[in-house]
Amino acid sequence: MSYILLLIFPFIIFPISTIILLFLRDEDKARKRYLNIILIANNLLFYIPIIIWQVLSFSSIDTESEQMNNLFGLTYLILFPVCGLAHVTLLILKISFISKKYEN
């Protein structure tokens, strides 16, 4: 049970934290727009394998094969650290810009 929750955790945290980060205030509108675009692109990149998996499951391609499962797993083996690091970096940037606003 805990193994399943550990696997599901990133798929729950990414969209929730993205929604929270999208609505944080920032004085610099251009910087906020730029960081929000990167944040949304990061989430789309993270969910692309699931979207492709769903599209392939409606077509005639066999998505239950072992090769497809391995490809899906390897894709997330690469994407999870990259998207996770980008997400944490954007989180730190957004929080640091907010804290600078309150220091002044």
Protein backbone atom coordinates (compact mmCIF):
# COMPACT_ATOMS: atom_id res chain seq x y z
CA MET A 1 0.00 0.00 0.00
CA SER A 2 2.75 2.47 0.89
CA TYR A 3 4.57 1.64 -2.37
CA ILE A 4 1.52 2.65 -4.38
CA LEU A 5 1.17 5.89 -2.45
CA LEU A 6 4.84 6.64 -3.06
CA LEU A 7 4.32 6.18 -6.80
CA ILE A 8 1.18 8.32 -6.87
CA PHE A 9 2.64 11.11 -4.70
CA PRO A 10 4.43 13.05 -7.49
CA PHE A 11 1.35 12.92 -9.71
CA ILE A 12 -0.67 14.57 -6.93
CA ILE A 13 1.93 17.07 -5.70
CA PHE A 14 2.96 18.46 -9.11
CA PRO A 15 -0.46 19.82 -10.15
CA ILE A 16 -1.38 21.05 -6.66
CA SER A 17 1.89 22.90 -6.18
CA THR A 18 1.69 24.28 -9.72
CA ILE A 19 -1.75 25.73 -9.08
CA ILE A 20 -0.52 27.31 -5.85
CA LEU A 21 2.61 28.71 -7.52
CA LEU A 22 0.65 30.13 -10.46
CA PHE A 23 -1.34 32.40 -8.18
CA LEU A 24 1.52 33.74 -6.06
CA ARG A 25 1.92 37.49 -6.36
CA ASP A 26 4.94 39.04 -7.97
CA GLU A 27 5.59 42.72 -8.58
CA ASP A 28 7.40 42.12 -11.86
CA LYS A 29 4.65 41.07 -14.29
CA ALA A 30 7.04 39.95 -17.03
CA ARG A 31 8.98 37.72 -14.63
CA LYS A 32 5.73 36.24 -13.28
CA ARG A 33 4.48 35.49 -16.79
CA TYR A 34 7.82 33.95 -17.79
CA LEU A 35 8.03 31.73 -14.68
CA ASN A 36 4.39 30.68 -15.05
CA ILE A 37 4.98 29.63 -18.68
CA ILE A 38 8.01 27.57 -17.63
CA LEU A 39 5.99 26.03 -14.78
CA ILE A 40 3.13 25.01 -17.07
CA ALA A 41 5.57 23.67 -19.69
CA ASN A 42 7.30 21.63 -16.98
CA ASN A 43 3.99 20.08 -15.94
CA LEU A 44 3.06 19.31 -19.54
CA LEU A 45 6.44 17.66 -20.05
CA PHE A 46 5.84 15.57 -16.92
CA TYR A 47 2.41 14.41 -18.11
CA ILE A 48 3.27 13.79 -21.79
CA PRO A 49 3.93 10.04 -21.30
CA ILE A 50 0.52 9.59 -19.68
CA ILE A 51 -1.16 11.52 -22.49
CA ILE A 52 0.66 9.45 -25.12
CA TRP A 53 -0.24 6.26 -23.23
CA GLN A 54 -3.93 7.21 -23.30
CA VAL A 55 -3.87 8.10 -26.99
CA LEU A 56 -2.14 4.82 -27.84
CA SER A 57 -4.61 2.84 -25.76
CA PHE A 58 -7.47 4.07 -27.97
CA SER A 59 -5.64 3.08 -31.15
CA SER A 60 -4.80 -0.40 -32.33
CA ILE A 61 -1.36 -0.41 -30.69
CA ASP A 62 -1.02 -2.94 -27.88
CA THR A 63 -0.24 -0.87 -24.76
CA GLU A 64 -0.18 -3.92 -22.50
CA SER A 65 2.98 -5.33 -24.03
CA GLU A 66 6.13 -5.57 -21.97
CA GLN A 67 8.02 -3.26 -24.33
CA MET A 68 5.47 -0.48 -23.91
CA ASN A 69 5.57 -0.85 -20.13
CA ASN A 70 9.38 -0.67 -20.17
CA LEU A 71 9.29 2.39 -22.42
CA PHE A 72 6.79 4.07 -20.12
CA GLY A 73 8.94 3.30 -17.06
CA LEU A 74 12.17 4.45 -18.69
CA THR A 75 10.54 7.68 -19.82
CA TYR A 76 9.59 8.49 -16.25
CA LEU A 77 12.99 7.37 -15.02
CA ILE A 78 14.41 10.21 -17.10
CA LEU A 79 11.59 12.75 -16.76
CA PHE A 80 10.99 12.56 -13.02
CA PRO A 81 14.40 13.88 -11.89
CA VAL A 82 14.48 16.53 -14.63
CA CYS A 83 10.95 17.80 -14.02
CA GLY A 84 11.29 17.46 -10.25
CA LEU A 85 14.48 19.51 -10.21
CA ALA A 86 12.93 22.15 -12.45
CA HIS A 87 9.84 22.26 -10.25
CA VAL A 88 11.85 22.68 -7.05
CA THR A 89 13.97 25.37 -8.72
CA LEU A 90 10.87 27.29 -9.81
CA LEU A 91 9.42 26.90 -6.31
CA ILE A 92 12.58 28.38 -4.76
CA LEU A 93 12.66 31.22 -7.30
CA LYS A 94 9.02 32.14 -6.72
CA ILE A 95 9.37 32.05 -2.94
CA SER A 96 12.59 34.08 -3.04
CA PHE A 97 10.93 36.76 -5.18
CA ILE A 98 8.04 36.96 -2.71
CA SER A 99 10.36 37.16 0.28
CA LYS A 100 12.33 40.00 -1.38
CA LYS A 101 9.06 41.90 -1.74
CA TYR A 102 8.40 41.68 1.99
CA GLU A 103 11.97 42.65 2.94
CA ASN A 104 11.63 46.09 1.31
